[in-house]
Amino acid sequence: MKRNMSDLDRIIRVVVAALFGYLYFGGIVTGTLGIVLVVLGVVFLFTSVISFCPLYTIFKISTFNK
Protein backbone atom coordinates (compact mmCIF):
# COMPACT_ATOMS: atom_id res chain seq x y z
CA MET A 1 0.00 0.00 0.00
CA LYS A 2 1.42 3.30 -1.08
CA ARG A 3 0.77 6.24 1.23
CA ASN A 4 -1.96 8.53 -0.11
CA MET A 5 -2.83 10.67 2.93
CA SER A 6 -1.15 13.86 4.10
CA ASP A 7 -0.38 14.57 7.74
CA LEU A 8 -3.16 17.16 7.86
CA ASP A 9 -5.62 14.62 6.47
CA ARG A 10 -4.57 12.14 9.15
CA ILE A 11 -4.95 14.71 11.94
CA ILE A 12 -8.42 15.70 10.75
CA ARG A 13 -9.48 12.05 10.68
CA VAL A 14 -8.22 11.47 14.25
CA VAL A 15 -10.07 14.56 15.51
CA VAL A 16 -13.29 13.52 13.76
CA ALA A 17 -12.95 9.97 15.14
CA ALA A 18 -12.48 11.38 18.65
CA LEU A 19 -15.57 13.56 18.17
CA PHE A 20 -17.62 10.56 17.03
CA GLY A 21 -16.42 8.59 20.05
CA TYR A 22 -17.31 11.44 22.38
CA LEU A 23 -20.79 11.77 20.87
CA TYR A 24 -21.49 8.06 21.26
CA PHE A 25 -19.87 7.30 24.60
CA GLY A 26 -21.14 10.57 26.07
CA GLY A 27 -24.69 9.44 25.31
CA ILE A 28 -25.36 12.36 22.98
CA VAL A 29 -25.95 10.16 19.93
CA THR A 30 -27.42 6.71 20.50
CA GLY A 31 -29.02 3.88 18.59
CA THR A 32 -28.20 3.01 15.02
CA LEU A 33 -26.70 6.41 14.23
CA GLY A 34 -24.40 6.09 17.23
CA ILE A 35 -23.17 2.68 16.10
CA VAL A 36 -22.59 4.00 12.57
CA LEU A 37 -20.53 6.87 14.00
CA VAL A 38 -18.43 4.48 16.10
CA VAL A 39 -17.75 2.28 13.07
CA LEU A 40 -16.79 5.33 10.98
CA GLY A 41 -14.55 6.51 13.80
CA VAL A 42 -12.75 3.18 13.91
CA VAL A 43 -12.28 3.25 10.13
CA PHE A 44 -10.95 6.82 10.33
CA LEU A 45 -8.48 5.86 13.05
CA PHE A 46 -7.30 2.77 11.17
CA THR A 47 -6.77 4.64 7.90
CA SER A 48 -4.94 7.40 9.79
CA VAL A 49 -2.54 4.93 11.36
CA ILE A 50 -1.67 3.25 8.07
CA SER A 51 -1.78 6.53 6.03
CA PHE A 52 -3.79 4.84 3.31
CA CYS A 53 -7.42 5.28 2.28
CA PRO A 54 -8.84 2.67 -0.11
CA LEU A 55 -11.53 5.10 -1.34
CA TYR A 56 -8.82 7.54 -2.41
CA THR A 57 -7.39 4.80 -4.63
CA ILE A 58 -10.75 4.09 -6.25
CA PHE A 59 -11.30 7.78 -7.03
CA LYS A 60 -7.59 8.38 -7.85
CA ILE A 61 -7.19 10.98 -5.10
CA SER A 62 -4.04 11.61 -3.09
CA THR A 63 -3.52 14.29 -0.46
CA PHE A 64 0.07 13.17 0.09
CA ASN A 65 2.74 15.36 -1.47
CA LYS A 66 6.23 13.95 -1.62
PDB file of N, CA and C in Angstrom:
ATOM      1  N   MET A   1       0.843  -1.178   0.000  1.00  0.00           N
ATOM      2  CA  MET A   1       0.000   0.000   0.000  1.00  0.00           C
ATOM      3  C   MET A   1       0.890   1.243   0.000  1.00  0.00           C
ATOM      4  N   LYS A   2       0.683   2.063  -0.960  1.00  0.00           N
ATOM      5  CA  LYS A   2       1.424   3.303  -1.077  1.00  0.00           C
ATOM      6  C   LYS A   2       0.668   4.395  -0.329  1.00  0.00           C
ATOM      7  N   ARG A   3       1.386   5.178   0.438  1.00  0.00           N
ATOM      8  CA  ARG A   3       0.769   6.239   1.230  1.00  0.00           C
ATOM      9  C   ARG A   3       0.039   7.226   0.319  1.00  0.00           C
ATOM     10  N   ASN A   4      -1.205   7.561   0.681  1.00  0.00           N
ATOM     11  CA  ASN A   4      -1.957   8.531  -0.114  1.00  0.00           C
ATOM     12  C   ASN A   4      -2.672   9.573   0.759  1.00  0.00           C
ATOM     13  N   MET A   5      -2.227   9.705   2.013  1.00  0.00           N
ATOM     14  CA  MET A   5      -2.834  10.667   2.929  1.00  0.00           C
ATOM     15  C   MET A   5      -1.770  11.601   3.495  1.00  0.00           C
ATOM     16  N   SER A   6      -2.066  12.886   3.509  1.00  0.00           N
ATOM     17  CA  SER A   6      -1.145  13.857   4.100  1.00  0.00           C
ATOM     18  C   SER A   6      -1.280  13.836   5.621  1.00  0.00           C
ATOM     19  N   ASP A   7      -0.329  14.487   6.282  1.00  0.00           N
ATOM     20  CA  ASP A   7      -0.381  14.566   7.743  1.00  0.00           C
ATOM     21  C   ASP A   7      -1.615  15.341   8.206  1.00  0.00           C
ATOM     22  N   LEU A   8      -1.967  16.392   7.496  1.00  0.00           N
ATOM     23  CA  LEU A   8      -3.163  17.163   7.857  1.00  0.00           C
ATOM     24  C   LEU A   8      -4.419  16.302   7.726  1.00  0.00           C
ATOM     25  N   ASP A   9      -4.502  15.535   6.679  1.00  0.00           N
ATOM     26  CA  ASP A   9      -5.621  14.619   6.466  1.00  0.00           C
ATOM     27  C   ASP A   9      -5.719  13.627   7.625  1.00  0.00           C
ATOM     28  N   ARG A  10      -4.597  13.097   8.040  1.00  0.00           N
ATOM     29  CA  ARG A  10      -4.569  12.141   9.147  1.00  0.00           C
ATOM     30  C   ARG A  10      -5.027  12.790  10.456  1.00  0.00           C
ATOM     31  N   ILE A  11      -4.566  14.010  10.715  1.00  0.00           N
ATOM     32  CA  ILE A  11      -4.947  14.711  11.944  1.00  0.00           C
ATOM     33  C   ILE A  11      -6.444  14.987  11.960  1.00  0.00           C
ATOM     34  N   ILE A  12      -6.977  15.430  10.837  1.00  0.00           N
ATOM     35  CA  ILE A  12      -8.416  15.704  10.754  1.00  0.00           C
ATOM     36  C   ILE A  12      -9.211  14.434  11.023  1.00  0.00           C
ATOM     37  N   ARG A  13      -8.776  13.308  10.467  1.00  0.00           N
ATOM     38  CA  ARG A  13      -9.483  12.048  10.684  1.00  0.00           C
ATOM     39  C   ARG A  13      -9.450  11.628  12.153  1.00  0.00           C
ATOM     40  N   VAL A  14      -8.314  11.823  12.823  1.00  0.00           N
ATOM     41  CA  VAL A  14      -8.221  11.472  14.245  1.00  0.00           C
ATOM     42  C   VAL A  14      -9.146  12.359  15.073  1.00  0.00           C
ATOM     43  N   VAL A  15      -9.191  13.638  14.771  1.00  0.00           N
ATOM     44  CA  VAL A  15     -10.067  14.561  15.506  1.00  0.00           C
ATOM     45  C   VAL A  15     -11.537  14.190  15.292  1.00  0.00           C
ATOM     46  N   VAL A  16     -11.903  13.898  14.049  1.00  0.00           N
ATOM     47  CA  VAL A  16     -13.293  13.519  13.757  1.00  0.00           C
ATOM     48  C   VAL A  16     -13.636  12.198  14.449  1.00  0.00           C
ATOM     49  N   ALA A  17     -12.710  11.249  14.456  1.00  0.00           N
ATOM     50  CA  ALA A  17     -12.946   9.974  15.136  1.00  0.00           C
ATOM     51  C   ALA A  17     -13.138  10.193  16.638  1.00  0.00           C
ATOM     52  N   ALA A  18     -12.335  11.069  17.225  1.00  0.00           N
ATOM     53  CA  ALA A  18     -12.484  11.381  18.651  1.00  0.00           C
ATOM     54  C   ALA A  18     -13.836  12.044  18.916  1.00  0.00           C
ATOM     55  N   LEU A  19     -14.258  12.920  18.037  1.00  0.00           N
ATOM     56  CA  LEU A  19     -15.565  13.563  18.168  1.00  0.00           C
ATOM     57  C   LEU A  19     -16.686  12.530  18.103  1.00  0.00           C
ATOM     58  N   PHE A  20     -16.603  11.611  17.139  1.00  0.00           N
ATOM     59  CA  PHE A  20     -17.617  10.557  17.031  1.00  0.00           C
ATOM     60  C   PHE A  20     -17.652   9.705  18.294  1.00  0.00           C
ATOM     61  N   GLY A  21     -16.485   9.369  18.817  1.00  0.00           N
ATOM     62  CA  GLY A  21     -16.419   8.590  20.052  1.00  0.00           C
ATOM     63  C   GLY A  21     -17.038   9.336  21.221  1.00  0.00           C
ATOM     64  N   TYR A  22     -16.739  10.616  21.314  1.00  0.00           N
ATOM     65  CA  TYR A  22     -17.314  11.436  22.380  1.00  0.00           C
ATOM     66  C   TYR A  22     -18.836  11.497  22.275  1.00  0.00           C
ATOM     67  N   LEU A  23     -19.336  11.684  21.062  1.00  0.00           N
ATOM     68  CA  LEU A  23     -20.786  11.768  20.874  1.00  0.00           C
ATOM     69  C   LEU A  23     -21.478  10.471  21.275  1.00  0.00           C
ATOM     70  N   TYR A  24     -20.862   9.344  20.937  1.00  0.00           N
ATOM     71  CA  TYR A  24     -21.492   8.060  21.255  1.00  0.00           C
ATOM     72  C   TYR A  24     -21.339   7.708  22.739  1.00  0.00           C
ATOM     73  N   PHE A  25     -20.107   7.727  23.224  1.00  0.00           N
ATOM     74  CA  PHE A  25     -19.871   7.298  24.604  1.00  0.00           C
ATOM     75  C   PHE A  25     -20.344   8.325  25.619  1.00  0.00           C
ATOM     76  N   GLY A  26     -20.565   9.547  25.195  1.00  0.00           N
ATOM     77  CA  GLY A  26     -21.143  10.569  26.067  1.00  0.00           C
ATOM     78  C   GLY A  26     -22.658  10.501  26.108  1.00  0.00           C
ATOM     79  N   GLY A  27     -23.243   9.616  25.309  1.00  0.00           N
ATOM     80  CA  GLY A  27     -24.685   9.441  25.306  1.00  0.00           C
ATOM     81  C   GLY A  27     -25.440  10.508  24.522  1.00  0.00           C
ATOM     82  N   ILE A  28     -24.711  11.302  23.751  1.00  0.00           N
ATOM     83  CA  ILE A  28     -25.359  12.364  22.977  1.00  0.00           C
ATOM     84  C   ILE A  28     -26.046  11.785  21.746  1.00  0.00           C
ATOM     85  N   VAL A  29     -25.387  10.843  21.091  1.00  0.00           N
ATOM     86  CA  VAL A  29     -25.954  10.162  19.930  1.00  0.00           C
ATOM     87  C   VAL A  29     -26.040   8.677  20.275  1.00  0.00           C
ATOM     88  N   THR A  30     -27.233   8.107  20.147  1.00  0.00           N
ATOM     89  CA  THR A  30     -27.422   6.707  20.501  1.00  0.00           C
ATOM     90  C   THR A  30     -28.083   5.954  19.352  1.00  0.00           C
ATOM     91  N   GLY A  31     -28.311   4.698  19.576  1.00  0.00           N
ATOM     92  CA  GLY A  31     -29.015   3.883  18.590  1.00  0.00           C
ATOM     93  C   GLY A  31     -28.173   3.576  17.373  1.00  0.00           C
ATOM     94  N   THR A  32     -28.855   3.388  16.270  1.00  0.00           N
ATOM     95  CA  THR A  32     -28.202   3.011  15.023  1.00  0.00           C
ATOM     96  C   THR A  32     -27.213   4.078  14.565  1.00  0.00           C
ATOM     97  N   LEU A  33     -27.606   5.334  14.646  1.00  0.00           N
ATOM     98  CA  LEU A  33     -26.704   6.409  14.234  1.00  0.00           C
ATOM     99  C   LEU A  33     -25.429   6.405  15.080  1.00  0.00           C
ATOM    100  N   GLY A  34     -25.564   6.149  16.358  1.00  0.00           N
ATOM    101  CA  GLY A  34     -24.402   6.089  17.233  1.00  0.00           C
ATOM    102  C   GLY A  34     -23.454   4.975  16.837  1.00  0.00           C
ATOM    103  N   ILE A  35     -23.998   3.818  16.515  1.00  0.00           N
ATOM    104  CA  ILE A  35     -23.168   2.684  16.100  1.00  0.00           C
ATOM    105  C   ILE A  35     -22.474   2.986  14.780  1.00  0.00           C
ATOM    106  N   VAL A  36     -23.199   3.615  13.860  1.00  0.00           N
ATOM    107  CA  VAL A  36     -22.591   3.998  12.574  1.00  0.00           C
ATOM    108  C   VAL A  36     -21.432   4.973  12.809  1.00  0.00           C
ATOM    109  N   LEU A  37     -21.601   5.927  13.704  1.00  0.00           N
ATOM    110  CA  LEU A  37     -20.529   6.874  14.005  1.00  0.00           C
ATOM    111  C   LEU A  37     -19.319   6.181  14.611  1.00  0.00           C
ATOM    112  N   VAL A  38     -19.545   5.225  15.495  1.00  0.00           N
ATOM    113  CA  VAL A  38     -18.430   4.482  16.095  1.00  0.00           C
ATOM    114  C   VAL A  38     -17.681   3.700  15.026  1.00  0.00           C
ATOM    115  N   VAL A  39     -18.397   3.042  14.135  1.00  0.00           N
ATOM    116  CA  VAL A  39     -17.754   2.277  13.067  1.00  0.00           C
ATOM    117  C   VAL A  39     -16.945   3.215  12.164  1.00  0.00           C
ATOM    118  N   LEU A  40     -17.518   4.350  11.787  1.00  0.00           N
ATOM    119  CA  LEU A  40     -16.785   5.327  10.978  1.00  0.00           C
ATOM    120  C   LEU A  40     -15.553   5.842  11.712  1.00  0.00           C
ATOM    121  N   GLY A  41     -15.688   6.061  13.001  1.00  0.00           N
ATOM    122  CA  GLY A  41     -14.554   6.513  13.798  1.00  0.00           C
ATOM    123  C   GLY A  41     -13.420   5.500  13.806  1.00  0.00           C
ATOM    124  N   VAL A  42     -13.766   4.233  13.938  1.00  0.00           N
ATOM    125  CA  VAL A  42     -12.746   3.175  13.910  1.00  0.00           C
ATOM    126  C   VAL A  42     -12.065   3.131  12.542  1.00  0.00           C
ATOM    127  N   VAL A  43     -12.848   3.248  11.485  1.00  0.00           N
ATOM    128  CA  VAL A  43     -12.278   3.253  10.128  1.00  0.00           C
ATOM    129  C   VAL A  43     -11.358   4.463   9.955  1.00  0.00           C
ATOM    130  N   PHE A  44     -11.784   5.634  10.420  1.00  0.00           N
ATOM    131  CA  PHE A  44     -10.947   6.825  10.325  1.00  0.00           C
ATOM    132  C   PHE A  44      -9.635   6.648  11.081  1.00  0.00           C
ATOM    133  N   LEU A  45      -9.703   6.080  12.284  1.00  0.00           N
ATOM    134  CA  LEU A  45      -8.477   5.856  13.048  1.00  0.00           C
ATOM    135  C   LEU A  45      -7.551   4.869  12.340  1.00  0.00           C
ATOM    136  N   PHE A  46      -8.111   3.786  11.836  1.00  0.00           N
ATOM    137  CA  PHE A  46      -7.304   2.773  11.168  1.00  0.00           C
ATOM    138  C   PHE A  46      -6.619   3.348   9.927  1.00  0.00           C
ATOM    139  N   THR A  47      -7.373   4.071   9.108  1.00  0.00           N
ATOM    140  CA  THR A  47      -6.770   4.638   7.903  1.00  0.00           C
ATOM    141  C   THR A  47      -5.739   5.716   8.249  1.00  0.00           C
ATOM    142  N   SER A  48      -5.927   6.413   9.357  1.00  0.00           N
ATOM    143  CA  SER A  48      -4.941   7.404   9.786  1.00  0.00           C
ATOM    144  C   SER A  48      -3.634   6.743  10.205  1.00  0.00           C
ATOM    145  N   VAL A  49      -3.739   5.633  10.898  1.00  0.00           N
ATOM    146  CA  VAL A  49      -2.541   4.933  11.362  1.00  0.00           C
ATOM    147  C   VAL A  49      -1.727   4.386  10.192  1.00  0.00           C
ATOM    148  N   ILE A  50      -2.397   3.841   9.190  1.00  0.00           N
ATOM    149  CA  ILE A  50      -1.669   3.248   8.066  1.00  0.00           C
ATOM    150  C   ILE A  50      -1.423   4.243   6.928  1.00  0.00           C
ATOM    151  N   SER A  51      -1.959   5.462   7.041  1.00  0.00           N
ATOM    152  CA  SER A  51      -1.780   6.526   6.034  1.00  0.00           C
ATOM    153  C   SER A  51      -2.251   6.127   4.644  1.00  0.00           C
ATOM    154  N   PHE A  52      -3.280   5.322   4.597  1.00  0.00           N
ATOM    155  CA  PHE A  52      -3.791   4.845   3.312  1.00  0.00           C
ATOM    156  C   PHE A  52      -5.312   4.767   3.379  1.00  0.00           C
ATOM    157  N   CYS A  53      -5.970   5.342   2.371  1.00  0.00           N
ATOM    158  CA  CYS A  53      -7.417   5.282   2.280  1.00  0.00           C
ATOM    159  C   CYS A  53      -7.802   4.563   0.987  1.00  0.00           C
ATOM    160  N   PRO A  54      -8.457   3.412   1.086  1.00  0.00           N
ATOM    161  CA  PRO A  54      -8.844   2.674  -0.114  1.00  0.00           C
ATOM    162  C   PRO A  54      -9.769   3.462  -1.047  1.00  0.00           C
ATOM    163  N   LEU A  55     -10.640   4.294  -0.495  1.00  0.00           N
ATOM    164  CA  LEU A  55     -11.528   5.097  -1.344  1.00  0.00           C
ATOM    165  C   LEU A  55     -10.745   6.105  -2.183  1.00  0.00           C
ATOM    166  N   TYR A  56      -9.655   6.622  -1.639  1.00  0.00           N
ATOM    167  CA  TYR A  56      -8.818   7.536  -2.413  1.00  0.00           C
ATOM    168  C   TYR A  56      -8.269   6.826  -3.647  1.00  0.00           C
ATOM    169  N   THR A  57      -7.915   5.558  -3.496  1.00  0.00           N
ATOM    170  CA  THR A  57      -7.388   4.796  -4.625  1.00  0.00           C
ATOM    171  C   THR A  57      -8.452   4.615  -5.697  1.00  0.00           C
ATOM    172  N   ILE A  58      -9.663   4.299  -5.288  1.00  0.00           N
ATOM    173  CA  ILE A  58     -10.753   4.091  -6.248  1.00  0.00           C
ATOM    174  C   ILE A  58     -11.021   5.361  -7.052  1.00  0.00           C
ATOM    175  N   PHE A  59     -10.998   6.513  -6.362  1.00  0.00           N
ATOM    176  CA  PHE A  59     -11.299   7.780  -7.029  1.00  0.00           C
ATOM    177  C   PHE A  59     -10.032   8.500  -7.514  1.00  0.00           C
ATOM    178  N   LYS A  60      -8.887   7.833  -7.394  1.00  0.00           N
ATOM    179  CA  LYS A  60      -7.590   8.380  -7.849  1.00  0.00           C
ATOM    180  C   LYS A  60      -7.296   9.734  -7.203  1.00  0.00           C
ATOM    181  N   ILE A  61      -7.461   9.785  -5.868  1.00  0.00           N
ATOM    182  CA  ILE A  61      -7.186  10.985  -5.097  1.00  0.00           C
ATOM    183  C   ILE A  61      -5.969  10.714  -4.206  1.00  0.00           C
ATOM    184  N   SER A  62      -5.146  11.710  -4.025  1.00  0.00           N
ATOM    185  CA  SER A  62      -4.040  11.609  -3.087  1.00  0.00           C
ATOM    186  C   SER A  62      -3.819  12.981  -2.461  1.00  0.00           C
ATOM    187  N   THR A  63      -3.820  13.038  -1.142  1.00  0.00           N
ATOM    188  CA  THR A  63      -3.522  14.293  -0.460  1.00  0.00           C
ATOM    189  C   THR A  63      -2.072  14.335  -0.021  1.00  0.00           C
ATOM    190  N   PHE A  64      -1.335  13.272  -0.287  1.00  0.00           N
ATOM    191  CA  PHE A  64       0.068  13.171   0.094  1.00  0.00           C
ATOM    192  C   PHE A  64       0.950  13.792  -0.977  1.00  0.00           C
ATOM    193  N   ASN A  65       1.761  14.752  -0.565  1.00  0.00           N
ATOM    194  CA  ASN A  65       2.737  15.362  -1.473  1.00  0.00           C
ATOM    195  C   ASN A  65       4.125  14.950  -1.033  1.00  0.00           C
ATOM    196  N   LYS A  66       4.881  14.433  -1.951  1.00  0.00           N
ATOM    197  CA  LYS A  66       6.230  13.954  -1.625  1.00  0.00           C
ATOM    198  C   LYS A  66       7.165  15.088  -1.327  1.00  0.00           C
TER     199      LYS A  66
END
